[in-house]
Amino acid sequence: MASTTFAGPVTSTAGFISGSDSLVSIAADTTITAAAHAGRTMNLNIASGATVTLPAASGTGNTYRFFVQTTVTSNNYKIQVANANDTMSGVAVVANDGGATASIFETAADSDTITLDGTTTGGILGGHIEIQDVASNKFRVLINQAATGSEATPFSAAVS
């Protein structure tokens, strides 16, 4: 079945099938679109990092998931909003490298960028980020990942 839009509820008696089409490889700087990326998982798989720019937030409910498939070893993985009006609200839950502990980092009112550096802010194999377009100019974000060293927030205000 090709891409289909439904106006009402959808019921599947046998469940929904996900497959290779639900995974998208990110191996260079990318501006994602709702049509090509919403509901899919973007695998971050370039050790030299990449910048991903989200579509403008308009309250579509679209969800964008990211999985760190390759630990970033130089530069950063960055996920940023499309314009200076959009912001992110949510938390990052970070497994600390010392013992069975975690750090939790909240977004600030002006957070619009996630930066994963391969050490203190994450970007290590296995990290997961979920971002949802929840309102005009607003994304909801949840990050689950590991970090090393002196763990630090991955959130900043960098888009102007």
Protein backbone atom coordinates (compact mmCIF):
# COMPACT_ATOMS: atom_id res chain seq x y z
CA MET A 1 0.00 0.00 0.00
CA ALA A 2 1.27 3.45 -0.84
CA SER A 3 1.10 6.42 1.51
CA THR A 4 -2.58 6.90 2.36
CA THR A 5 -4.35 9.59 4.39
CA PHE A 6 -7.48 8.73 6.38
CA ALA A 7 -9.96 11.25 7.77
CA GLY A 8 -11.40 8.99 10.46
CA PRO A 9 -10.21 6.30 12.86
CA VAL A 10 -8.32 3.32 11.51
CA THR A 11 -8.65 -0.21 12.87
CA SER A 12 -6.38 -3.08 12.01
CA THR A 13 -7.51 -6.53 13.12
CA ALA A 14 -4.07 -8.00 12.41
CA GLY A 15 -1.94 -5.10 13.73
CA PHE A 16 0.28 -2.70 11.86
CA ILE A 17 3.44 -3.91 10.21
CA SER A 18 6.63 -1.93 10.39
CA GLY A 19 9.61 -2.80 8.32
CA SER A 20 12.61 -1.41 6.56
CA ASP A 21 10.54 1.53 5.26
CA SER A 22 10.09 2.72 8.85
CA LEU A 23 13.85 3.32 9.24
CA VAL A 24 15.70 6.27 7.71
CA SER A 25 19.48 6.59 7.75
CA ILE A 26 20.93 9.98 8.68
CA ALA A 27 24.54 10.12 7.47
CA ALA A 28 24.82 13.83 6.58
CA ASP A 29 23.21 17.15 7.46
CA THR A 30 19.49 16.75 6.78
CA THR A 31 16.35 18.86 6.81
CA ILE A 32 13.55 16.45 7.59
CA THR A 33 9.98 16.71 6.32
CA ALA A 34 6.68 15.41 7.64
CA ALA A 35 6.05 13.46 4.43
CA ALA A 36 9.38 11.63 4.45
CA HIS A 37 10.13 11.32 8.18
CA ALA A 38 7.06 11.60 10.45
CA GLY A 39 6.36 8.36 12.29
CA ARG A 40 9.69 6.90 11.27
CA THR A 41 12.91 6.29 13.18
CA MET A 42 15.96 8.16 11.97
CA ASN A 43 19.17 6.21 12.63
CA LEU A 44 22.04 8.58 13.41
CA ASN A 45 24.92 6.64 11.94
CA ILE A 46 27.86 8.83 11.07
CA ALA A 47 30.73 9.04 13.55
CA SER A 48 31.62 12.55 12.35
CA GLY A 49 28.18 13.86 13.34
CA ALA A 50 25.37 15.57 11.47
CA THR A 51 22.85 18.36 11.94
CA VAL A 52 19.16 17.53 11.57
CA THR A 53 16.69 20.37 11.13
CA LEU A 54 13.06 19.70 12.08
CA PRO A 55 10.09 21.03 10.10
CA ALA A 56 8.37 24.09 11.62
CA ALA A 57 6.15 23.20 14.58
CA SER A 58 2.46 23.72 13.79
CA GLY A 59 0.61 21.27 16.04
CA THR A 60 0.36 18.36 13.58
CA GLY A 61 1.01 15.70 16.23
CA ASN A 62 3.76 14.24 14.03
CA THR A 63 6.41 12.27 15.90
CA TYR A 64 10.07 12.07 14.91
CA ARG A 65 12.21 9.38 16.55
CA PHE A 66 16.00 9.21 16.51
CA PHE A 67 18.25 6.29 17.45
CA VAL A 68 22.01 6.67 17.92
CA GLN A 69 23.24 3.78 15.80
CA THR A 70 26.85 4.98 15.71
CA THR A 71 28.54 6.83 18.59
CA VAL A 72 29.60 10.29 17.45
CA THR A 73 33.39 10.62 17.77
CA SER A 74 34.02 14.04 16.23
CA ASN A 75 31.82 17.09 15.84
CA ASN A 76 28.25 16.53 17.16
CA TYR A 77 24.84 15.17 16.40
CA LYS A 78 22.56 18.22 16.48
CA ILE A 79 18.79 18.27 16.24
CA GLN A 80 17.43 21.78 15.88
CA VAL A 81 14.20 23.60 15.15
CA ALA A 82 13.55 25.28 11.80
CA ASN A 83 13.14 28.86 13.01
CA ALA A 84 13.67 31.22 15.95
CA ASN A 85 10.00 30.96 17.05
CA ASP A 86 9.99 27.19 17.67
CA THR A 87 11.09 25.74 21.02
CA MET A 88 11.32 22.35 22.73
CA SER A 89 9.84 21.34 26.09
CA GLY A 90 10.73 18.14 27.91
CA VAL A 91 13.51 16.22 29.60
CA ALA A 92 16.63 14.19 28.98
CA VAL A 93 17.19 11.15 31.20
CA VAL A 94 20.88 10.34 31.10
CA ALA A 95 22.51 7.19 32.49
CA ASN A 96 25.69 8.26 34.25
CA ASP A 97 28.85 6.26 33.65
CA GLY A 98 29.58 6.01 37.39
CA GLY A 99 27.39 3.40 39.09
CA ALA A 100 23.69 2.83 38.65
CA THR A 101 22.72 6.50 38.65
CA ALA A 102 21.10 8.92 36.27
CA SER A 103 20.89 12.65 35.67
CA ILE A 104 17.75 14.37 34.47
CA PHE A 105 18.00 17.60 32.49
CA GLU A 106 15.01 19.85 31.73
CA THR A 107 14.64 22.16 28.79
CA ALA A 108 14.69 25.91 29.40
CA ALA A 109 11.96 28.19 28.09
CA ASP A 110 14.09 29.02 25.03
CA SER A 111 15.55 25.56 24.27
CA ASP A 112 15.56 24.88 20.54
CA THR A 113 18.57 22.62 19.95
CA ILE A 114 19.76 19.21 21.14
CA THR A 115 23.53 18.68 20.92
CA LEU A 116 25.03 15.23 21.45
CA ASP A 117 28.84 15.29 21.65
CA GLY A 118 29.68 11.60 22.13
CA THR A 119 30.62 12.10 25.78
CA THR A 120 29.09 14.49 28.35
CA THR A 121 25.83 15.30 26.49
CA GLY A 122 25.25 11.86 24.96
CA GLY A 123 25.43 10.67 21.39
CA ILE A 124 26.53 7.19 22.45
CA LEU A 125 25.27 4.02 20.75
CA GLY A 126 21.78 3.16 22.01
CA GLY A 127 20.54 6.69 22.71
CA HIS A 128 16.90 7.41 21.84
CA ILE A 129 15.19 10.74 21.19
CA GLU A 130 11.50 11.28 20.56
CA ILE A 131 10.21 14.64 19.39
CA GLN A 132 6.55 15.44 18.77
CA ASP A 133 5.02 18.52 17.11
CA VAL A 134 2.41 19.37 19.77
CA ALA A 135 1.42 23.01 19.05
CA SER A 136 2.28 26.02 16.98
CA ASN A 137 5.96 26.77 17.74
CA LYS A 138 6.25 23.89 20.28
CA PHE A 139 7.85 20.45 20.23
CA ARG A 140 7.67 17.90 23.07
CA VAL A 141 10.97 16.07 23.59
CA LEU A 142 12.07 13.02 25.56
CA ILE A 143 15.64 11.77 25.50
CA ASN A 144 16.89 8.47 26.97
CA GLN A 145 20.63 7.99 26.62
CA ALA A 146 23.98 7.40 28.26
CA ALA A 147 26.78 9.91 28.76
CA THR A 148 30.33 9.88 30.13
CA GLY A 149 32.48 12.22 32.19
CA SER A 150 30.71 15.15 33.84
CA GLU A 151 27.24 14.69 32.35
CA ALA A 152 25.68 17.90 31.02
CA THR A 153 22.44 19.07 29.48
CA PRO A 154 22.06 18.44 25.74
CA PHE A 155 19.60 21.38 25.47
CA SER A 156 20.47 24.90 24.36
CA ALA A 157 19.09 27.95 22.58
CA ALA A 158 21.17 28.09 19.40
CA VAL A 159 18.73 28.87 16.56
CA SER A 160 18.31 32.58 15.84
